[in-house]
Amino acid sequence: MLYPSQIKIRIFMQQTLSCDCLVAGGGPAGLSAAIAAAEAGRRVIVAEYLPSPGRKLLASGSGKCNLTNALPPEALARRFSAPFRFVRPALYSYPPGAWREFLSARGVPTVSPDGFHYFPKSMRAADVLDALLRRCRTLGVTILPGTPLRKLLIRDGKISGAESGRGRVDSPRLILACGGMGYPQLGGRGSGYELAREAGHRIVPPVPALVGLRAAEGWAARLPGIILPAATVRFEKNPAGTGELIFTHNGVSGPAVLDLSGSVARHLENAAEAVLACNWQSRPPEAYREQFALWQKQDGKKQLKTLLARMLPAAFADALCEAAELPGGGSAAHLRAAQRDRLVAALTSYPLRISGTDGWSKAMATAGGVPPEEVDAKTLSSRFCAGLFFAGEMLDVGAPCGGYNIQWAVSSGRLAGSAAARL
């Protein structure tokens, strides 16, 4: 891996620098933007808030880095909450295959253990960051660590540079790729939002996304570590979350919950609770009714909770019976019709009350940011300020869990960087 001493890094101390294209943020979006602009022949400076670039990328996927997935560009784009016509240009111009080819050409082959999620073969996020930094070095990109931008310089409605606490960088092009507010210890501060406001943009208030949810019901917090492998979770009119549901010390997490968490967090801004409809095994009510009828016929003397433990973790079966006010210790033969219906409802559409999220310190992503309608989808340029571009989580696009966020970061960075270079 390249260490900071091996990259073209300058100590920026109370001076004025100049470049053709200034990039704010040294994550995958910012580095990809820098690469695209430099490949087009522009002199590029990356201003990074932290002492070294890519720290959040290093932590992604528990250090393994789920860098993209197997969906083709159109299907990929349709999974975002932002309008399809907005995310399409970036994802079509730099699709998952191009991103994987970039890594492979730099000695970082990728693998998909489950046929959908892609990781570096080494299972090391550091190798992905290293590939980006090596390309920056080859292209002569300058990285300024510990240099958060404090103020935009705008003259006659056009970008002319930016100021930091250490000096000024003059540039007719600026790409804001500062990231969202998740994992503040790794740089998630939302520092780019105020800069966007200076250029006349409004900001959709950021809320945590891809984050665990805290249950208002005590029984859910008594099951930490229990995993339901094939749950379906619904919240209002959002697409259902599917896959693993994991019980935590505070509530629930896992893929079935994470994709809904941003919408839940938004709801909780104006409400004390949100209610998830949980189908714990993604089975229809009729399947359970048939199963219960069979149990009553063949295993009528056995306890209900014992029979439920054949298909569900025993502790969860006990807790669910308690939450649904059902006699788990009673026999299947004595299960009354009303109790059976209540149990079916608890298994297929349990109303799990949510009181909060695990907060920014655990949030893998941000819901909110610069609204798409204020940005040109074909270039990711500002509609209000010439020379200003956006990439990554600066934009309110609502990427789900499963490699979408990193793919959006590199795709949007590439589009913004190439468009800025043409300006």
Protein backbone atom coordinates (compact mmCIF):
# COMPACT_ATOMS: atom_id res chain seq x y z
CA MET A 1 0.00 0.00 0.00
CA LEU A 2 1.12 3.56 -0.66
CA TYR A 3 1.75 5.54 2.49
CA PRO A 4 1.36 9.32 2.59
CA SER A 5 5.11 9.83 2.12
CA GLN A 6 4.90 7.97 -1.20
CA ILE A 7 2.05 10.09 -2.63
CA LYS A 8 2.43 13.56 -4.02
CA ILE A 9 1.34 15.34 -0.85
CA ARG A 10 2.09 18.94 0.02
CA ILE A 11 2.05 20.58 3.40
CA PHE A 12 -0.21 23.53 2.88
CA MET A 13 0.89 26.33 5.22
CA GLN A 14 -0.50 29.84 4.75
CA GLN A 15 0.12 30.15 1.05
CA THR A 16 -1.76 30.47 -2.21
CA LEU A 17 -1.79 27.55 -4.60
CA SER A 18 -3.40 27.23 -8.00
CA CYS A 19 -4.65 24.38 -10.14
CA ASP A 20 -7.03 23.64 -12.99
CA CYS A 21 -9.39 21.58 -10.83
CA LEU A 22 -9.79 21.53 -7.04
CA VAL A 23 -11.43 18.51 -5.42
CA ALA A 24 -12.77 18.68 -1.85
CA GLY A 25 -12.60 15.23 -0.26
CA GLY A 26 -10.18 12.31 -0.53
CA GLY A 27 -12.62 9.42 -0.42
CA PRO A 28 -13.48 7.20 -3.41
CA ALA A 29 -15.66 9.92 -4.97
CA GLY A 30 -13.02 12.62 -4.66
CA LEU A 31 -10.12 10.43 -5.76
CA SER A 32 -12.12 9.16 -8.75
CA ALA A 33 -12.97 12.74 -9.71
CA ALA A 34 -9.32 13.72 -9.42
CA ILE A 35 -8.25 10.79 -11.60
CA ALA A 36 -10.80 11.61 -14.32
CA ALA A 37 -9.81 15.29 -14.42
CA ALA A 38 -6.09 14.47 -14.41
CA GLU A 39 -6.51 11.89 -17.18
CA ALA A 40 -7.95 14.72 -19.27
CA GLY A 41 -4.78 16.71 -18.72
CA ARG A 42 -5.86 19.00 -15.90
CA ARG A 43 -3.66 19.93 -12.93
CA VAL A 44 -5.56 18.64 -9.90
CA ILE A 45 -5.37 19.29 -6.16
CA VAL A 46 -7.33 17.23 -3.63
CA ALA A 47 -8.05 18.95 -0.31
CA GLU A 48 -8.65 16.28 2.35
CA TYR A 49 -10.08 17.09 5.79
CA LEU A 50 -8.29 14.29 7.64
CA PRO A 51 -4.53 13.63 7.97
CA SER A 52 -4.76 10.96 5.24
CA PRO A 53 -7.26 10.13 2.48
CA GLY A 54 -9.76 7.30 2.26
CA ARG A 55 -10.24 6.47 5.93
CA LYS A 56 -13.93 5.67 5.61
CA LEU A 57 -13.20 3.47 2.59
CA LEU A 58 -10.72 1.51 4.69
CA ALA A 59 -13.48 0.70 7.18
CA SER A 60 -16.11 -0.24 4.59
CA GLY A 61 -17.48 -3.76 4.77
CA SER A 62 -15.63 -4.32 8.06
CA GLY A 63 -12.41 -3.70 6.18
CA LYS A 64 -13.31 -6.05 3.29
CA CYS A 65 -14.93 -3.40 1.05
CA ASN A 66 -18.10 -4.43 -0.78
CA LEU A 67 -17.12 -2.25 -3.74
CA THR A 68 -19.99 -2.96 -6.16
CA ASN A 69 -22.45 -5.68 -7.18
CA ALA A 70 -23.48 -7.74 -10.19
CA LEU A 71 -26.45 -5.65 -11.38
CA PRO A 72 -26.30 -4.13 -14.87
CA PRO A 73 -26.40 -0.31 -14.95
CA GLU A 74 -30.15 0.05 -15.55
CA ALA A 75 -31.16 -2.29 -12.72
CA LEU A 76 -28.53 -0.69 -10.51
CA ALA A 77 -29.89 2.79 -11.14
CA ARG A 78 -33.45 1.74 -10.36
CA ARG A 79 -32.48 0.75 -6.83
CA PHE A 80 -31.69 4.34 -5.83
CA SER A 81 -34.37 6.52 -4.26
CA ALA A 82 -33.34 9.46 -6.48
CA PRO A 83 -35.01 9.69 -9.90
CA PHE A 84 -33.73 7.12 -12.37
CA ARG A 85 -33.00 9.84 -14.94
CA PHE A 86 -30.67 11.54 -12.45
CA VAL A 87 -28.46 8.61 -11.40
CA ARG A 88 -28.46 6.93 -14.83
CA PRO A 89 -25.82 9.08 -16.61
CA ALA A 90 -23.15 8.48 -13.97
CA LEU A 91 -23.82 4.75 -13.62
CA TYR A 92 -24.01 4.24 -17.39
CA SER A 93 -20.82 6.18 -18.08
CA TYR A 94 -18.83 4.25 -15.47
CA PRO A 95 -20.64 0.98 -14.69
CA PRO A 96 -19.55 -1.78 -12.28
CA GLY A 97 -17.58 -3.55 -15.01
CA ALA A 98 -15.44 -0.46 -15.67
CA TRP A 99 -14.73 -0.03 -11.97
CA ARG A 100 -13.71 -3.66 -11.59
CA GLU A 101 -11.52 -3.43 -14.69
CA PHE A 102 -9.80 -0.36 -13.24
CA LEU A 103 -8.93 -2.32 -10.09
CA SER A 104 -7.89 -5.45 -11.96
CA ALA A 105 -5.52 -3.46 -14.17
CA ARG A 106 -3.79 -2.28 -10.99
CA GLY A 107 -3.38 -5.69 -9.44
CA VAL A 108 -6.62 -5.76 -7.44
CA PRO A 109 -8.80 -8.54 -8.89
CA THR A 110 -12.35 -8.78 -7.56
CA VAL A 111 -14.48 -11.75 -6.52
CA SER A 112 -18.14 -12.33 -5.78
CA PRO A 113 -18.50 -15.08 -3.14
CA ASP A 114 -22.31 -15.06 -3.35
CA GLY A 115 -22.65 -14.21 -7.03
CA PHE A 116 -23.91 -10.69 -6.30
CA HIS A 117 -21.66 -8.67 -3.97
CA TYR A 118 -18.15 -7.91 -5.23
CA PHE A 119 -15.07 -7.56 -3.02
CA PRO A 120 -11.34 -7.30 -3.68
CA LYS A 121 -10.02 -10.87 -3.90
CA SER A 122 -7.70 -10.09 -0.99
CA MET A 123 -10.71 -8.99 1.10
CA ARG A 124 -8.71 -5.88 1.96
CA ALA A 125 -10.22 -2.42 1.53
CA ALA A 126 -6.67 -1.08 1.77
CA ASP A 127 -5.91 -2.59 -1.65
CA VAL A 128 -8.79 -0.64 -3.22
CA LEU A 129 -7.58 2.62 -1.70
CA ASP A 130 -4.03 1.81 -2.76
CA ALA A 131 -5.12 1.38 -6.39
CA LEU A 132 -6.80 4.81 -6.37
CA LEU A 133 -3.80 6.50 -4.73
CA ARG A 134 -1.30 4.89 -7.09
CA ARG A 135 -3.27 6.17 -10.07
CA CYS A 136 -3.35 9.66 -8.53
CA ARG A 137 0.40 9.50 -8.06
CA THR A 138 1.00 8.41 -11.66
CA LEU A 139 -1.12 11.32 -12.92
CA GLY A 140 0.60 13.88 -10.69
CA VAL A 141 -2.43 14.65 -8.52
CA THR A 142 -1.48 16.68 -5.44
CA ILE A 143 -3.14 15.74 -2.15
CA LEU A 144 -3.34 18.26 0.69
CA PRO A 145 -4.02 16.38 3.96
CA GLY A 146 -5.56 18.12 6.95
CA THR A 147 -6.96 20.84 4.70
CA PRO A 148 -10.71 21.31 5.12
CA LEU A 149 -12.12 23.98 2.85
CA ARG A 150 -13.82 26.76 4.80
CA LYS A 151 -15.19 29.08 2.14
CA LEU A 152 -15.90 29.14 -1.57
CA LEU A 153 -14.49 31.91 -3.69
CA ILE A 154 -17.13 32.98 -6.20
CA ARG A 155 -16.75 35.84 -8.67
CA ASP A 156 -19.55 36.89 -11.04
CA GLY A 157 -21.43 33.66 -10.40
CA LYS A 158 -18.39 31.49 -11.17
CA ILE A 159 -16.06 29.48 -8.96
CA SER A 160 -12.62 31.04 -8.62
CA GLY A 161 -11.26 28.84 -5.83
CA ALA A 162 -11.66 28.16 -2.12
CA GLU A 163 -10.13 29.09 1.20
CA SER A 164 -9.01 26.84 4.02
CA GLY A 165 -7.55 27.67 7.42
CA ARG A 166 -4.12 27.32 5.83
CA GLY A 167 -4.46 29.49 2.76
CA ARG A 168 -6.15 29.77 -0.61
CA VAL A 169 -6.38 27.57 -3.67
CA ASP A 170 -7.23 29.35 -6.90
CA SER A 171 -9.13 27.20 -9.38
CA PRO A 172 -11.88 27.76 -11.95
CA ARG A 173 -13.32 24.32 -11.20
CA LEU A 174 -14.31 22.84 -7.83
CA ILE A 175 -15.74 19.37 -7.19
CA LEU A 176 -17.39 18.91 -3.80
CA ALA A 177 -16.96 15.27 -2.82
CA CYS A 178 -16.85 15.78 0.94
CA GLY A 179 -19.05 12.83 1.85
CA GLY A 180 -21.94 12.65 4.28
CA MET A 181 -22.15 12.63 8.06
CA GLY A 182 -21.86 8.91 8.81
CA TYR A 183 -18.91 7.69 10.90
CA PRO A 184 -17.73 11.16 12.04
CA GLN A 185 -14.60 9.60 13.53
CA LEU A 186 -13.63 8.67 9.97
CA GLY A 187 -14.31 12.06 8.48
CA GLY A 188 -18.10 12.13 8.22
CA ARG A 189 -18.80 15.71 9.18
CA GLY A 190 -21.00 16.96 6.36
CA SER A 191 -18.54 19.83 5.88
CA GLY A 192 -19.48 20.21 2.22
CA TYR A 193 -23.09 21.11 2.91
CA GLU A 194 -22.27 24.62 4.11
CA LEU A 195 -20.06 25.15 1.06
CA ALA A 196 -22.95 24.12 -1.17
CA ARG A 197 -25.20 26.60 0.62
CA GLU A 198 -22.69 29.36 -0.15
CA ALA A 199 -23.30 28.66 -3.84
CA GLY A 200 -27.06 29.01 -3.40
CA HIS A 201 -28.01 25.36 -2.95
CA ARG A 202 -30.47 24.15 -0.39
CA ILE A 203 -29.69 21.03 1.63
CA VAL A 204 -32.19 18.26 2.32
CA PRO A 205 -31.62 17.85 6.10
CA PRO A 206 -29.26 14.88 6.58
CA VAL A 207 -30.38 11.89 8.63
CA PRO A 208 -28.52 8.62 9.35
CA ALA A 209 -28.96 5.87 6.76
CA LEU A 210 -27.83 2.24 6.52
CA VAL A 211 -27.93 2.21 10.30
CA GLY A 212 -29.37 -0.05 13.00
CA LEU A 213 -32.77 0.78 14.46
CA ARG A 214 -33.68 0.91 18.13
CA ALA A 215 -36.79 -0.97 19.13
CA ALA A 216 -39.29 0.54 21.53
CA GLU A 217 -40.26 -2.98 22.60
CA GLY A 218 -38.13 -4.59 25.29
CA TRP A 219 -38.42 -8.14 24.00
CA ALA A 220 -36.54 -7.30 20.78
CA ALA A 221 -33.53 -6.02 22.72
CA ARG A 222 -33.34 -9.27 24.70
CA LEU A 223 -32.32 -11.28 21.62
CA PRO A 224 -28.87 -9.91 20.66
CA GLY A 225 -27.09 -12.04 18.11
CA ILE A 226 -30.15 -13.89 16.84
CA ILE A 227 -30.35 -13.86 13.05
CA LEU A 228 -33.41 -14.48 10.91
CA PRO A 229 -31.95 -15.25 7.46
CA ALA A 230 -34.91 -14.45 5.18
CA ALA A 231 -37.08 -11.68 6.60
CA THR A 232 -39.18 -9.12 4.75
CA VAL A 233 -39.66 -5.73 6.40
CA ARG A 234 -41.97 -2.98 5.18
CA PHE A 235 -42.26 0.66 6.13
CA GLU A 236 -44.93 2.89 4.66
CA LYS A 237 -44.67 3.03 0.84
CA ASN A 238 -40.96 2.25 0.61
CA PRO A 239 -39.74 -0.85 -1.24
CA ALA A 240 -39.61 -3.76 1.17
CA GLY A 241 -36.32 -4.66 2.81
CA THR A 242 -35.39 -8.31 2.44
CA GLY A 243 -32.69 -10.67 3.66
CA GLU A 244 -31.07 -11.11 7.02
CA LEU A 245 -32.59 -9.44 10.06
CA ILE A 246 -30.22 -9.28 13.00
CA PHE A 247 -31.27 -8.56 16.58
CA THR A 248 -28.90 -6.24 18.44
CA HIS A 249 -28.60 -5.00 22.02
CA ASN A 250 -30.77 -2.03 21.04
CA GLY A 251 -33.12 -3.42 18.43
CA VAL A 252 -32.63 -4.64 14.86
CA SER A 253 -30.18 -4.36 12.00
CA GLY A 254 -29.14 -6.37 8.93
CA PRO A 255 -29.93 -5.95 5.21
CA ALA A 256 -33.70 -6.30 5.72
CA VAL A 257 -33.63 -3.22 7.95
CA LEU A 258 -30.73 -1.13 6.70
CA ASP A 259 -32.26 -0.11 3.38
CA LEU A 260 -35.30 1.27 5.21
CA SER A 261 -33.39 3.00 7.99
CA GLY A 262 -32.98 6.34 6.21
CA SER A 263 -36.73 6.61 5.61
CA VAL A 264 -37.38 5.61 9.21
CA ALA A 265 -34.92 8.23 10.46
CA ARG A 266 -36.64 10.86 8.31
CA HIS A 267 -40.02 9.84 9.76
CA LEU A 268 -38.66 10.08 13.32
CA GLU A 269 -37.76 13.73 12.79
CA ASN A 270 -41.44 14.52 13.30
CA ALA A 271 -42.74 11.49 15.18
CA ALA A 272 -41.94 9.70 18.41
CA GLU A 273 -42.11 6.25 16.82
CA ALA A 274 -42.13 4.46 13.50
CA VAL A 275 -43.73 1.07 12.92
CA LEU A 276 -42.19 -1.65 10.77
CA ALA A 277 -44.30 -4.50 9.42
CA CYS A 278 -42.14 -7.61 9.84
CA ASN A 279 -42.62 -10.91 8.09
CA TRP A 280 -39.94 -12.82 9.93
CA GLN A 281 -39.57 -15.63 7.36
CA SER A 282 -41.09 -14.06 4.22
CA ARG A 283 -43.80 -16.71 4.18
CA PRO A 284 -47.47 -16.06 3.31
CA PRO A 285 -50.15 -16.44 6.02
CA GLU A 286 -51.63 -19.47 4.24
CA ALA A 287 -48.38 -21.42 4.67
CA TYR A 288 -48.53 -20.95 8.43
CA ARG A 289 -52.20 -21.86 8.65
CA GLU A 290 -51.49 -25.10 6.81
CA GLN A 291 -48.52 -25.78 9.08
CA PHE A 292 -50.53 -25.17 12.25
CA ALA A 293 -53.33 -27.44 11.04
CA LEU A 294 -50.76 -30.17 10.42
CA TRP A 295 -49.25 -29.69 13.87
CA GLN A 296 -52.64 -29.90 15.53
CA LYS A 297 -53.27 -33.14 13.68
CA GLN A 298 -49.87 -34.79 14.12
CA ASP A 299 -48.25 -33.08 17.13
CA GLY A 300 -51.21 -31.82 19.11
CA LYS A 301 -49.71 -32.70 22.50
CA LYS A 302 -46.49 -30.77 21.96
CA GLN A 303 -46.01 -27.23 23.23
CA LEU A 304 -46.54 -24.46 20.72
CA LYS A 305 -43.12 -22.89 21.40
CA THR A 306 -41.44 -26.28 20.86
CA LEU A 307 -43.05 -26.59 17.45
CA LEU A 308 -42.22 -23.00 16.51
CA ALA A 309 -38.59 -23.71 17.43
CA ARG A 310 -38.49 -26.14 14.50
CA MET A 311 -38.59 -23.19 12.12
CA LEU A 312 -37.32 -20.31 14.25
CA PRO A 313 -34.63 -19.78 16.91
CA ALA A 314 -36.08 -20.99 20.22
CA ALA A 315 -35.44 -17.73 22.09
CA PHE A 316 -37.13 -15.77 19.32
CA ALA A 317 -40.12 -18.15 19.31
CA ASP A 318 -40.53 -17.66 23.07
CA ALA A 319 -40.26 -13.87 22.78
CA LEU A 320 -42.69 -13.72 19.88
CA CYS A 321 -45.30 -15.75 21.78
CA GLU A 322 -44.89 -13.40 24.71
CA ALA A 323 -45.16 -10.28 22.54
CA ALA A 324 -48.27 -11.65 20.83
CA GLU A 325 -49.75 -12.66 24.20
CA LEU A 326 -49.92 -16.32 23.23
CA PRO A 327 -49.55 -19.31 25.54
CA GLY A 328 -46.26 -20.68 24.19
CA GLY A 329 -46.31 -23.34 26.87
CA GLY A 330 -49.72 -24.58 25.80
CA SER A 331 -50.25 -27.49 23.46
CA ALA A 332 -50.88 -27.11 19.74
CA ALA A 333 -54.14 -29.01 20.08
CA HIS A 334 -55.55 -26.28 22.36
CA LEU A 335 -54.64 -23.41 20.05
CA ARG A 336 -57.92 -21.58 19.42
CA ALA A 337 -58.84 -20.02 16.09
CA ALA A 338 -58.41 -16.48 17.41
CA GLN A 339 -55.03 -17.36 18.89
CA ARG A 340 -53.97 -19.00 15.64
CA ASP A 341 -54.90 -15.88 13.68
CA ARG A 342 -52.99 -13.73 16.15
CA LEU A 343 -49.93 -15.94 15.79
CA VAL A 344 -50.13 -15.84 11.99
CA ALA A 345 -50.30 -12.06 12.12
CA ALA A 346 -47.31 -11.94 14.50
CA LEU A 347 -45.30 -14.10 12.12
CA THR A 348 -46.22 -12.32 8.88
CA SER A 349 -46.88 -8.67 9.74
CA TYR A 350 -45.65 -7.99 13.26
CA PRO A 351 -45.82 -4.24 14.02
CA LEU A 352 -42.36 -3.61 15.46
CA ARG A 353 -42.22 -0.15 17.04
CA ILE A 354 -39.01 1.82 16.45
CA SER A 355 -38.00 4.72 18.67
CA GLY A 356 -34.72 5.79 17.10
CA THR A 357 -31.59 4.87 15.17
CA ASP A 358 -28.10 3.95 16.34
CA GLY A 359 -27.03 7.44 15.27
CA TRP A 360 -24.30 8.97 13.16
CA SER A 361 -21.49 7.07 14.85
CA LYS A 362 -22.89 3.82 13.41
CA ALA A 363 -24.41 5.15 10.18
CA MET A 364 -22.78 3.76 7.03
CA ALA A 365 -24.41 6.41 4.84
CA THR A 366 -26.39 9.64 4.81
CA ALA A 367 -29.89 10.36 3.55
CA GLY A 368 -30.07 14.01 2.50
CA GLY A 369 -27.75 16.52 0.87
CA VAL A 370 -27.92 18.56 -2.32
CA PRO A 371 -31.23 17.77 -4.07
CA PRO A 372 -30.94 16.27 -7.58
CA GLU A 373 -33.14 18.92 -9.17
CA GLU A 374 -30.46 21.53 -8.47
CA VAL A 375 -27.77 19.58 -10.36
CA ASP A 376 -27.34 18.74 -14.06
CA ALA A 377 -27.53 14.94 -14.25
CA LYS A 378 -25.32 14.75 -17.37
CA THR A 379 -22.38 16.59 -15.78
CA LEU A 380 -23.20 16.76 -12.03
CA SER A 381 -22.59 20.50 -12.28
CA SER A 382 -24.39 23.09 -10.19
CA ARG A 383 -27.33 24.83 -11.83
CA PHE A 384 -26.55 27.92 -9.73
CA CYS A 385 -22.78 28.39 -9.85
CA ALA A 386 -20.57 27.85 -12.90
CA GLY A 387 -17.55 25.66 -12.29
CA LEU A 388 -19.04 23.88 -9.27
CA PHE A 389 -19.64 20.11 -9.39
CA PHE A 390 -20.78 17.44 -6.94
CA ALA A 391 -20.00 13.75 -6.40
CA GLY A 392 -20.75 10.95 -3.96
CA GLU A 393 -22.77 11.48 -0.80
CA MET A 394 -22.91 15.22 -1.29
CA LEU A 395 -25.96 14.40 -3.41
CA ASP A 396 -29.26 13.14 -2.02
CA VAL A 397 -29.56 9.92 -4.04
CA GLY A 398 -30.53 7.29 -1.44
CA ALA A 399 -28.26 4.36 -2.28
CA PRO A 400 -29.22 1.03 -0.69
CA CYS A 401 -26.93 -1.46 1.07
CA GLY A 402 -24.82 -3.84 -0.98
CA GLY A 403 -22.06 -2.05 -2.91
CA TYR A 404 -24.27 0.72 -4.25
CA ASN A 405 -22.69 3.58 -2.29
CA ILE A 406 -19.11 2.90 -3.38
CA GLN A 407 -20.22 2.33 -6.97
CA TRP A 408 -22.09 5.64 -6.90
CA ALA A 409 -19.04 7.34 -5.39
CA VAL A 410 -16.68 6.26 -8.17
CA SER A 411 -19.24 6.64 -10.97
CA SER A 412 -20.33 10.12 -9.91
CA GLY A 413 -16.73 11.12 -9.21
CA ARG A 414 -15.67 10.03 -12.69
CA LEU A 415 -18.55 11.90 -14.33
CA ALA A 416 -17.96 15.09 -12.35
CA GLY A 417 -14.20 14.96 -12.95
CA SER A 418 -14.45 14.41 -16.70
CA ALA A 419 -17.15 17.09 -17.05
CA ALA A 420 -15.12 19.58 -15.02
CA ALA A 421 -12.08 18.90 -17.18
CA ARG A 422 -14.07 19.79 -20.32
CA LEU A 423 -15.22 23.11 -18.90
